[in-house]
Structure formats: C-alpha cells, structure tokens
Amino acid sequence: ASPLIASAHAGLSGVALCAITDRADEAVDVAALVARSAEVAP
C-alpha cells in the first residue's frame, strides 16, 4: 500500500507485479513461504 500511494502522490505511474507464493486455501508456514519466494524470484 505505502509505495503505491506514494507513487500517486509523487505523480508516478507504472505497474505492480506480484509473484504468487501460496494459496489462501492451503496451510503454509513461514519457512515454506520463504522457500517459495526464493523459487519464484528469478
């Protein structure tokens, strides 16, 4: 939220890209999220 609202305030537009690390209907712990983040980052 903060960088998007700041972009509006600063007069910058662009695009936000979100890599999916998990689904809302699955049980995922923090360690799994960190591992998946590393997998999708490249």
PDB file of all heavy atoms in Angstrom:
ATOM      1  N   ALA A   1       0.817  -1.212   0.000  1.00  0.00           N
ATOM      2  CA  ALA A   1       0.000   0.000   0.000  1.00  0.00           C
ATOM      3  C   ALA A   1       0.852   1.264   0.000  1.00  0.00           C
ATOM      4  O   ALA A   1       0.609   2.193  -0.787  1.00  0.00           O
ATOM      5  CB  ALA A   1      -0.946   0.002   1.198  1.00  0.00           C
ATOM      6  N   SER A   2       1.844   1.326   0.874  1.00  0.00           N
ATOM      7  CA  SER A   2       2.627   2.560   1.010  1.00  0.00           C
ATOM      8  C   SER A   2       3.316   2.983  -0.287  1.00  0.00           C
ATOM      9  O   SER A   2       3.186   4.129  -0.710  1.00  0.00           O
ATOM     10  CB  SER A   2       3.655   2.410   2.133  1.00  0.00           C
ATOM     11  OG  SER A   2       3.033   2.503   3.391  1.00  0.00           O
ATOM     12  N   PRO A   3       4.065   2.088  -0.962  1.00  0.00           N
ATOM     13  CA  PRO A   3       4.702   2.533  -2.208  1.00  0.00           C
ATOM     14  C   PRO A   3       3.711   2.894  -3.309  1.00  0.00           C
ATOM     15  O   PRO A   3       3.975   3.792  -4.106  1.00  0.00           O
ATOM     16  CB  PRO A   3       5.593   1.352  -2.605  1.00  0.00           C
ATOM     17  CG  PRO A   3       5.099   0.196  -1.822  1.00  0.00           C
ATOM     18  CD  PRO A   3       4.527   0.739  -0.571  1.00  0.00           C
ATOM     19  N   LEU A   4       2.552   2.232  -3.355  1.00  0.00           N
ATOM     20  CA  LEU A   4       1.567   2.582  -4.373  1.00  0.00           C
ATOM     21  C   LEU A   4       0.971   3.967  -4.113  1.00  0.00           C
ATOM     22  O   LEU A   4       0.844   4.795  -5.026  1.00  0.00           O
ATOM     23  CB  LEU A   4       0.454   1.539  -4.418  1.00  0.00           C
ATOM     24  CG  LEU A   4       0.817   0.164  -4.983  1.00  0.00           C
ATOM     25  CD1 LEU A   4      -0.383  -0.773  -4.908  1.00  0.00           C
ATOM     26  CD2 LEU A   4       1.314   0.264  -6.427  1.00  0.00           C
ATOM     27  N   ILE A   5       0.604   4.238  -2.863  1.00  0.00           N
ATOM     28  CA  ILE A   5       0.030   5.544  -2.531  1.00  0.00           C
ATOM     29  C   ILE A   5       1.078   6.642  -2.709  1.00  0.00           C
ATOM     30  O   ILE A   5       0.785   7.730  -3.214  1.00  0.00           O
ATOM     31  CB  ILE A   5      -0.522   5.537  -1.100  1.00  0.00           C
ATOM     32  CG1 ILE A   5      -1.679   4.550  -0.989  1.00  0.00           C
ATOM     33  CG2 ILE A   5      -0.998   6.932  -0.694  1.00  0.00           C
ATOM     34  CD1 ILE A   5      -2.148   4.293   0.437  1.00  0.00           C
ATOM     35  N   ALA A   6       2.318   6.348  -2.318  1.00  0.00           N
ATOM     36  CA  ALA A   6       3.397   7.316  -2.512  1.00  0.00           C
ATOM     37  C   ALA A   6       3.616   7.605  -3.989  1.00  0.00           C
ATOM     38  O   ALA A   6       3.900   8.750  -4.379  1.00  0.00           O
ATOM     39  CB  ALA A   6       4.678   6.809  -1.874  1.00  0.00           C
ATOM     40  N   SER A   7       3.477   6.583  -4.835  1.00  0.00           N
ATOM     41  CA  SER A   7       3.627   6.790  -6.279  1.00  0.00           C
ATOM     42  C   SER A   7       2.584   7.763  -6.789  1.00  0.00           C
ATOM     43  O   SER A   7       2.882   8.643  -7.610  1.00  0.00           O
ATOM     44  CB  SER A   7       3.502   5.450  -7.018  1.00  0.00           C
ATOM     45  OG  SER A   7       4.554   4.575  -6.670  1.00  0.00           O
ATOM     46  N   ALA A   8       1.361   7.615  -6.314  1.00  0.00           N
ATOM     47  CA  ALA A   8       0.308   8.543  -6.720  1.00  0.00           C
ATOM     48  C   ALA A   8       0.648   9.955  -6.274  1.00  0.00           C
ATOM     49  O   ALA A   8       0.493  10.929  -7.027  1.00  0.00           O
ATOM     50  CB  ALA A   8      -1.032   8.098  -6.137  1.00  0.00           C
ATOM     51  N   HIS A   9       1.109  10.098  -5.047  1.00  0.00           N
ATOM     52  CA  HIS A   9       1.457  11.416  -4.503  1.00  0.00           C
ATOM     53  C   HIS A   9       2.596  12.056  -5.284  1.00  0.00           C
ATOM     54  O   HIS A   9       2.597  13.262  -5.531  1.00  0.00           O
ATOM     55  CB  HIS A   9       1.834  11.258  -3.030  1.00  0.00           C
ATOM     56  CG  HIS A   9       2.092  12.536  -2.303  1.00  0.00           C
ATOM     57  ND1 HIS A   9       3.356  13.053  -2.125  1.00  0.00           N
ATOM     58  CD2 HIS A   9       1.241  13.411  -1.698  1.00  0.00           C
ATOM     59  CE1 HIS A   9       3.284  14.179  -1.430  1.00  0.00           C
ATOM     60  NE2 HIS A   9       2.011  14.422  -1.163  1.00  0.00           N
ATOM     61  N   ALA A  10       3.565  11.228  -5.697  1.00  0.00           N
ATOM     62  CA  ALA A  10       4.733  11.727  -6.418  1.00  0.00           C
ATOM     63  C   ALA A  10       4.478  11.915  -7.910  1.00  0.00           C
ATOM     64  O   ALA A  10       5.334  12.431  -8.625  1.00  0.00           O
ATOM     65  CB  ALA A  10       5.910  10.770  -6.222  1.00  0.00           C
ATOM     66  N   GLY A  11       3.306  11.476  -8.383  1.00  0.00           N
ATOM     67  CA  GLY A  11       2.973  11.639  -9.794  1.00  0.00           C
ATOM     68  C   GLY A  11       3.565  10.581 -10.698  1.00  0.00           C
ATOM     69  O   GLY A  11       3.694  10.799 -11.906  1.00  0.00           O
ATOM     70  N   LEU A  12       3.911   9.427 -10.137  1.00  0.00           N
ATOM     71  CA  LEU A  12       4.485   8.340 -10.932  1.00  0.00           C
ATOM     72  C   LEU A  12       3.463   7.231 -11.137  1.00  0.00           C
ATOM     73  O   LEU A  12       2.787   6.816 -10.196  1.00  0.00           O
ATOM     74  CB  LEU A  12       5.706   7.748 -10.226  1.00  0.00           C
ATOM     75  CG  LEU A  12       6.952   8.613 -10.127  1.00  0.00           C
ATOM     76  CD1 LEU A  12       8.023   7.887  -9.312  1.00  0.00           C
ATOM     77  CD2 LEU A  12       7.490   8.980 -11.499  1.00  0.00           C
ATOM     78  N   SER A  13       3.362   6.751 -12.350  1.00  0.00           N
ATOM     79  CA  SER A  13       2.543   5.571 -12.623  1.00  0.00           C
ATOM     80  C   SER A  13       3.465   4.445 -13.055  1.00  0.00           C
ATOM     81  O   SER A  13       4.661   4.641 -13.261  1.00  0.00           O
ATOM     82  CB  SER A  13       1.500   5.859 -13.710  1.00  0.00           C
ATOM     83  OG  SER A  13       2.143   6.164 -14.937  1.00  0.00           O
ATOM     84  N   GLY A  14       2.912   3.260 -13.174  1.00  0.00           N
ATOM     85  CA  GLY A  14       3.733   2.128 -13.578  1.00  0.00           C
ATOM     86  C   GLY A  14       2.941   0.849 -13.486  1.00  0.00           C
ATOM     87  O   GLY A  14       1.748   0.813 -13.787  1.00  0.00           O
ATOM     88  N   VAL A  15       3.606  -0.199 -13.042  1.00  0.00           N
ATOM     89  CA  VAL A  15       2.943  -1.493 -12.934  1.00  0.00           C
ATOM     90  C   VAL A  15       3.485  -2.224 -11.714  1.00  0.00           C
ATOM     91  O   VAL A  15       4.672  -2.128 -11.390  1.00  0.00           O
ATOM     92  CB  VAL A  15       3.150  -2.339 -14.219  1.00  0.00           C
ATOM     93  CG1 VAL A  15       4.615  -2.641 -14.457  1.00  0.00           C
ATOM     94  CG2 VAL A  15       2.340  -3.628 -14.161  1.00  0.00           C
ATOM     95  N   ALA A  16       2.587  -2.921 -11.015  1.00  0.00           N
ATOM     96  CA  ALA A  16       2.977  -3.758  -9.883  1.00  0.00           C
ATOM     97  C   ALA A  16       2.820  -5.218 -10.280  1.00  0.00           C
ATOM     98  O   ALA A  16       1.771  -5.619 -10.795  1.00  0.00           O
ATOM     99  CB  ALA A  16       2.122  -3.444  -8.654  1.00  0.00           C
ATOM    100  N   LEU A  17       3.861  -6.003 -10.062  1.00  0.00           N
ATOM    101  CA  LEU A  17       3.874  -7.417 -10.407  1.00  0.00           C
ATOM    102  C   LEU A  17       4.037  -8.226  -9.134  1.00  0.00           C
ATOM    103  O   LEU A  17       4.994  -8.030  -8.372  1.00  0.00           O
ATOM    104  CB  LEU A  17       5.014  -7.726 -11.378  1.00  0.00           C
ATOM    105  CG  LEU A  17       4.952  -6.978 -12.720  1.00  0.00           C
ATOM    106  CD1 LEU A  17       6.248  -7.185 -13.500  1.00  0.00           C
ATOM    107  CD2 LEU A  17       3.749  -7.430 -13.528  1.00  0.00           C
ATOM    108  N   CYS A  18       3.117  -9.148  -8.918  1.00  0.00           N
ATOM    109  CA  CYS A  18       3.082  -9.928  -7.683  1.00  0.00           C
ATOM    110  C   CYS A  18       3.291 -11.408  -7.991  1.00  0.00           C
ATOM    111  O   CYS A  18       2.472 -12.024  -8.687  1.00  0.00           O
ATOM    112  CB  CYS A  18       1.751  -9.710  -6.965  1.00  0.00           C
ATOM    113  SG  CYS A  18       1.544 -10.709  -5.469  1.00  0.00           S
ATOM    114  N   ALA A  19       4.375 -11.971  -7.487  1.00  0.00           N
ATOM    115  CA  ALA A  19       4.635 -13.397  -7.653  1.00  0.00           C
ATOM    116  C   ALA A  19       3.848 -14.174  -6.605  1.00  0.00           C
ATOM    117  O   ALA A  19       3.901 -13.858  -5.415  1.00  0.00           O
ATOM    118  CB  ALA A  19       6.124 -13.684  -7.505  1.00  0.00           C
ATOM    119  N   ILE A  20       3.103 -15.162  -7.039  1.00  0.00           N
ATOM    120  CA  ILE A  20       2.267 -15.952  -6.133  1.00  0.00           C
ATOM    121  C   ILE A  20       3.115 -17.016  -5.436  1.00  0.00           C
ATOM    122  O   ILE A  20       3.770 -17.830  -6.093  1.00  0.00           O
ATOM    123  CB  ILE A  20       1.104 -16.611  -6.895  1.00  0.00           C
ATOM    124  CG1 ILE A  20       0.233 -15.529  -7.555  1.00  0.00           C
ATOM    125  CG2 ILE A  20       0.278 -17.478  -5.954  1.00  0.00           C
ATOM    126  CD1 ILE A  20      -0.327 -14.499  -6.597  1.00  0.00           C
ATOM    127  N   THR A  21       3.091 -16.981  -4.110  1.00  0.00           N
ATOM    128  CA  THR A  21       3.859 -17.946  -3.326  1.00  0.00           C
ATOM    129  C   THR A  21       2.988 -19.017  -2.675  1.00  0.00           C
ATOM    130  O   THR A  21       3.497 -20.075  -2.284  1.00  0.00           O
ATOM    131  CB  THR A  21       4.653 -17.239  -2.214  1.00  0.00           C
ATOM    132  OG1 THR A  21       3.740 -16.527  -1.370  1.00  0.00           O
ATOM    133  CG2 THR A  21       5.670 -16.277  -2.799  1.00  0.00           C
ATOM    134  N   ASP A  22       1.673 -18.737  -2.535  1.00  0.00           N
ATOM    135  CA  ASP A  22       0.813 -19.700  -1.859  1.00  0.00           C
ATOM    136  C   ASP A  22      -0.649 -19.407  -2.191  1.00  0.00           C
ATOM    137  O   ASP A  22      -0.971 -18.376  -2.783  1.00  0.00           O
ATOM    138  CB  ASP A  22       1.028 -19.665  -0.344  1.00  0.00           C
ATOM    139  CG  ASP A  22       0.745 -18.292   0.255  1.00  0.00           C
ATOM    140  OD1 ASP A  22       1.322 -17.290  -0.229  1.00  0.00           O
ATOM    141  OD2 ASP A  22      -0.070 -18.197   1.199  1.00  0.00           O
ATOM    142  N   ARG A  23      -1.516 -20.334  -1.799  1.00  0.00           N
ATOM    143  CA  ARG A  23      -2.956 -20.175  -1.974  1.00  0.00           C
ATOM    144  C   ARG A  23      -3.613 -19.984  -0.618  1.00  0.00           C
ATOM    145  O   ARG A  23      -3.155 -20.520   0.400  1.00  0.00           O
ATOM    146  CB  ARG A  23      -3.576 -21.394  -2.654  1.00  0.00           C
ATOM    147  CG  ARG A  23      -3.002 -21.745  -4.013  1.00  0.00           C
ATOM    148  CD  ARG A  23      -3.883 -22.810  -4.709  1.00  0.00           C
ATOM    149  NE  ARG A  23      -4.401 -23.800  -3.780  1.00  0.00           N
ATOM    150  CZ  ARG A  23      -3.815 -24.961  -3.518  1.00  0.00           C
ATOM    151  NH1 ARG A  23      -2.675 -25.269  -4.115  1.00  0.00           N
ATOM    152  NH2 ARG A  23      -4.373 -25.824  -2.676  1.00  0.00           N
ATOM    153  N   ALA A  24      -4.705 -19.244  -0.615  1.00  0.00           N
ATOM    154  CA  ALA A  24      -5.402 -18.968   0.636  1.00  0.00           C
ATOM    155  C   ALA A  24      -6.003 -20.215   1.263  1.00  0.00           C
ATOM    156  O   ALA A  24      -6.250 -20.251   2.469  1.00  0.00           O
ATOM    157  CB  ALA A  24      -6.495 -17.927   0.405  1.00  0.00           C
ATOM    158  N   ASP A  25      -6.244 -21.245   0.455  1.00  0.00           N
ATOM    159  CA  ASP A  25      -6.908 -22.442   0.982  1.00  0.00           C
ATOM    160  C   ASP A  25      -5.930 -23.533   1.398  1.00  0.00           C
ATOM    161  O   ASP A  25      -6.324 -24.674   1.644  1.00  0.00           O
ATOM    162  CB  ASP A  25      -7.888 -22.997  -0.049  1.00  0.00           C
ATOM    163  CG  ASP A  25      -7.216 -23.410  -1.348  1.00  0.00           C
ATOM    164  OD1 ASP A  25      -5.998 -23.154  -1.502  1.00  0.00           O
ATOM    165  OD2 ASP A  25      -7.893 -23.988  -2.221  1.00  0.00           O
ATOM    166  N   GLU A  26      -4.631 -23.218   1.486  1.00  0.00           N
ATOM    167  CA  GLU A  26      -3.662 -24.227   1.899  1.00  0.00           C
ATOM    168  C   GLU A  26      -2.950 -23.769   3.171  1.00  0.00           C
ATOM    169  O   GLU A  26      -2.851 -22.579   3.464  1.00  0.00           O
ATOM    170  CB  GLU A  26      -2.632 -24.488   0.798  1.00  0.00           C
ATOM    171  CG  GLU A  26      -1.733 -23.311   0.481  1.00  0.00           C
ATOM    172  CD  GLU A  26      -0.642 -23.649  -0.520  1.00  0.00           C
ATOM    173  OE1 GLU A  26      -0.181 -24.804  -0.532  1.00  0.00           O
ATOM    174  OE2 GLU A  26      -0.248 -22.746  -1.279  1.00  0.00           O
ATOM    175  N   ALA A  27      -2.482 -24.729   3.918  1.00  0.00           N
ATOM    176  CA  ALA A  27      -1.727 -24.438   5.132  1.00  0.00           C
ATOM    177  C   ALA A  27      -0.252 -24.283   4.760  1.00  0.00           C
ATOM    178  O   ALA A  27       0.368 -25.220   4.253  1.00  0.00           O
ATOM    179  CB  ALA A  27      -1.900 -25.562   6.145  1.00  0.00           C
ATOM    180  N   VAL A  28       0.281 -23.089   4.985  1.00  0.00           N
ATOM    181  CA  VAL A  28       1.674 -22.810   4.641  1.00  0.00           C
ATOM    182  C   VAL A  28       2.333 -22.101   5.816  1.00  0.00           C
ATOM    183  O   VAL A  28       1.779 -21.142   6.348  1.00  0.00           O
ATOM    184  CB  VAL A  28       1.774 -21.918   3.385  1.00  0.00           C
ATOM    185  CG1 VAL A  28       3.229 -21.645   3.043  1.00  0.00           C
ATOM    186  CG2 VAL A  28       1.070 -22.584   2.205  1.00  0.00           C
ATOM    187  N   ASP A  29       3.513 -22.574   6.210  1.00  0.00           N
ATOM    188  CA  ASP A  29       4.209 -21.898   7.305  1.00  0.00           C
ATOM    189  C   ASP A  29       5.220 -20.911   6.736  1.00  0.00           C
ATOM    190  O   ASP A  29       5.453 -20.837   5.526  1.00  0.00           O
ATOM    191  CB  ASP A  29       4.870 -22.895   8.243  1.00  0.00           C
ATOM    192  CG  ASP A  29       5.889 -23.783   7.538  1.00  0.00           C
ATOM    193  OD1 ASP A  29       6.421 -23.381   6.483  1.00  0.00           O
ATOM    194  OD2 ASP A  29       6.159 -24.886   8.048  1.00  0.00           O
ATOM    195  N   VAL A  30       5.824 -20.135   7.623  1.00  0.00           N
ATOM    196  CA  VAL A  30       6.738 -19.077   7.195  1.00  0.00           C
ATOM    197  C   VAL A  30       7.935 -19.648   6.444  1.00  0.00           C
ATOM    198  O   VAL A  30       8.368 -19.088   5.420  1.00  0.00           O
ATOM    199  CB  VAL A  30       7.199 -18.253   8.410  1.00  0.00           C
ATOM    200  CG1 VAL A  30       8.273 -17.249   7.995  1.00  0.00           C
ATOM    201  CG2 VAL A  30       6.014 -17.518   9.031  1.00  0.00           C
ATOM    202  N   ALA A  31       8.481 -20.752   6.917  1.00  0.00           N
ATOM    203  CA  ALA A  31       9.643 -21.348   6.247  1.00  0.00           C
ATOM    204  C   ALA A  31       9.301 -21.725   4.806  1.00  0.00           C
ATOM    205  O   ALA A  31      10.104 -21.513   3.884  1.00  0.00           O
ATOM    206  CB  ALA A  31      10.126 -22.576   7.019  1.00  0.00           C
ATOM    207  N   ALA A  32       8.105 -22.270   4.603  1.00  0.00           N
ATOM    208  CA  ALA A  32       7.683 -22.645   3.249  1.00  0.00           C
ATOM    209  C   ALA A  32       7.506 -21.406   2.386  1.00  0.00           C
ATOM    210  O   ALA A  32       7.842 -21.408   1.192  1.00  0.00           O
ATOM    211  CB  ALA A  32       6.382 -23.436   3.309  1.00  0.00           C
ATOM    212  N   LEU A  33       6.990 -20.322   2.959  1.00  0.00           N
ATOM    213  CA  LEU A  33       6.808 -19.095   2.188  1.00  0.00           C
ATOM    214  C   LEU A  33       8.149 -18.509   1.762  1.00  0.00           C
ATOM    215  O   LEU A  33       8.303 -18.032   0.633  1.00  0.00           O
ATOM    216  CB  LEU A  33       6.031 -18.062   3.018  1.00  0.00           C
ATOM    217  CG  LEU A  33       4.546 -18.325   3.210  1.00  0.00           C
ATOM    218  CD1 LEU A  33       3.934 -17.257   4.112  1.00  0.00           C
ATOM    219  CD2 LEU A  33       3.821 -18.362   1.875  1.00  0.00           C
ATOM    220  N   VAL A  34       9.122 -18.531   2.664  1.00  0.00           N
ATOM    221  CA  VAL A  34      10.452 -18.024   2.321  1.00  0.00           C
ATOM    222  C   VAL A  34      11.053 -18.852   1.200  1.00  0.00           C
ATOM    223  O   VAL A  34      11.643 -18.311   0.246  1.00  0.00           O
ATOM    224  CB  VAL A  34      11.361 -18.046   3.563  1.00  0.00           C
ATOM    225  CG1 VAL A  34      12.809 -17.727   3.176  1.00  0.00           C
ATOM    226  CG2 VAL A  34      10.869 -17.038   4.603  1.00  0.00           C
ATOM    227  N   ALA A  35      10.904 -20.172   1.286  1.00  0.00           N
ATOM    228  CA  ALA A  35      11.440 -21.052   0.249  1.00  0.00           C
ATOM    229  C   ALA A  35      10.766 -20.800  -1.087  1.00  0.00           C
ATOM    230  O   ALA A  35      11.429 -20.737  -2.129  1.00  0.00           O
ATOM    231  CB  ALA A  35      11.270 -22.515   0.667  1.00  0.00           C
ATOM    232  N   ARG A  36       9.455 -20.644  -1.068  1.00  0.00           N
ATOM    233  CA  ARG A  36       8.735 -20.400  -2.321  1.00  0.00           C
ATOM    234  C   ARG A  36       9.078 -19.031  -2.896  1.00  0.00           C
ATOM    235  O   ARG A  36       9.159 -18.870  -4.116  1.00  0.00           O
ATOM    236  CB  ARG A  36       7.232 -20.525  -2.096  1.00  0.00           C
ATOM    237  CG  ARG A  36       6.770 -21.964  -1.928  1.00  0.00           C
ATOM    238  CD  ARG A  36       5.259 -22.041  -1.875  1.00  0.00           C
ATOM    239  NE  ARG A  36       4.788 -23.412  -1.712  1.00  0.00           N
ATOM    240  CZ  ARG A  36       3.518 -23.750  -1.581  1.00  0.00           C
ATOM    241  NH1 ARG A  36       2.575 -22.799  -1.567  1.00  0.00           N
ATOM    242  NH2 ARG A  36       3.160 -25.007  -1.448  1.00  0.00           N
ATOM    243  N   SER A  37       9.278 -18.047  -2.037  1.00  0.00           N
ATOM    244  CA  SER A  37       9.673 -16.717  -2.517  1.00  0.00           C
ATOM    245  C   SER A  37      10.986 -16.798  -3.276  1.00  0.00           C
ATOM    246  O   SER A  37      11.167 -16.174  -4.327  1.00  0.00           O
ATOM    247  CB  SER A  37       9.790 -15.741  -1.344  1.00  0.00           C
ATOM    248  OG  SER A  37       8.537 -15.499  -0.748  1.00  0.00           O
ATOM    249  N   ALA A  38      11.923 -17.585  -2.744  1.00  0.00           N
ATOM    250  CA  ALA A  38      13.208 -17.762  -3.418  1.00  0.00           C
ATOM    251  C   ALA A  38      13.038 -18.479  -4.751  1.00  0.00           C
ATOM    252  O   ALA A  38      13.757 -18.203  -5.718  1.00  0.00           O
ATOM    253  CB  ALA A  38      14.162 -18.542  -2.510  1.00  0.00           C
ATOM    254  N   GLU A  39      12.065 -19.392  -4.803  1.00  0.00           N
ATOM    255  CA  GLU A  39      11.826 -20.133  -6.038  1.00  0.00           C
ATOM    256  C   GLU A  39      11.228 -19.256  -7.137  1.00  0.00           C
ATOM    257  O   GLU A  39      11.576 -19.400  -8.312  1.00  0.00           O
ATOM    258  CB  GLU A  39      10.891 -21.309  -5.768  1.00  0.00           C
ATOM    259  CG  GLU A  39      11.506 -22.415  -4.917  1.00  0.00           C
ATOM    260  CD  GLU A  39      10.479 -23.469  -4.526  1.00  0.00           C
ATOM    261  OE1 GLU A  39       9.307 -23.336  -4.955  1.00  0.00           O
ATOM    262  OE2 GLU A  39      10.837 -24.416  -3.810  1.00  0.00           O
ATOM    263  N   VAL A  40      10.320 -18.358  -6.759  1.00  0.00           N
ATOM    264  CA  VAL A  40       9.629 -17.560  -7.782  1.00  0.00           C
ATOM    265  C   VAL A  40      10.374 -16.279  -8.133  1.00  0.00           C
ATOM    266  O   VAL A  40      10.114 -15.671  -9.181  1.00  0.00           O
ATOM    267  CB  VAL A  40       8.192 -17.208  -7.334  1.00  0.00           C
ATOM    268  CG1 VAL A  40       7.392 -18.466  -7.071  1.00  0.00           C
ATOM    269  CG2 VAL A  40       8.191 -16.302  -6.103  1.00  0.00           C
ATOM    270  N   ALA A  41      11.328 -15.868  -7.296  1.00  0.00           N
ATOM    271  CA  ALA A  41      12.027 -14.606  -7.529  1.00  0.00           C
ATOM    272  C   ALA A  41      12.732 -14.534  -8.887  1.00  0.00           C
ATOM    273  O   ALA A  41      12.663 -13.506  -9.572  1.00  0.00           O
ATOM    274  CB  ALA A  41      13.008 -14.326  -6.397  1.00  0.00           C
ATOM    275  N   PRO A  42      13.430 -15.593  -9.325  1.00  0.00           N
ATOM    276  CA  PRO A  42      14.121 -15.495 -10.618  1.00  0.00           C
ATOM    277  C   PRO A  42      13.180 -15.210 -11.792  1.00  0.00           C
ATOM    278  O   PRO A  42      13.523 -14.439 -12.693  1.00  0.00           O
ATOM    279  CB  PRO A  42      14.790 -16.865 -10.757  1.00  0.00           C
ATOM    280  CG  PRO A  42      14.990 -17.323  -9.353  1.00  0.00           C
ATOM    281  CD  PRO A  42      13.780 -16.848  -8.622  1.00  0.00           C
TER     282      PRO A  42
END
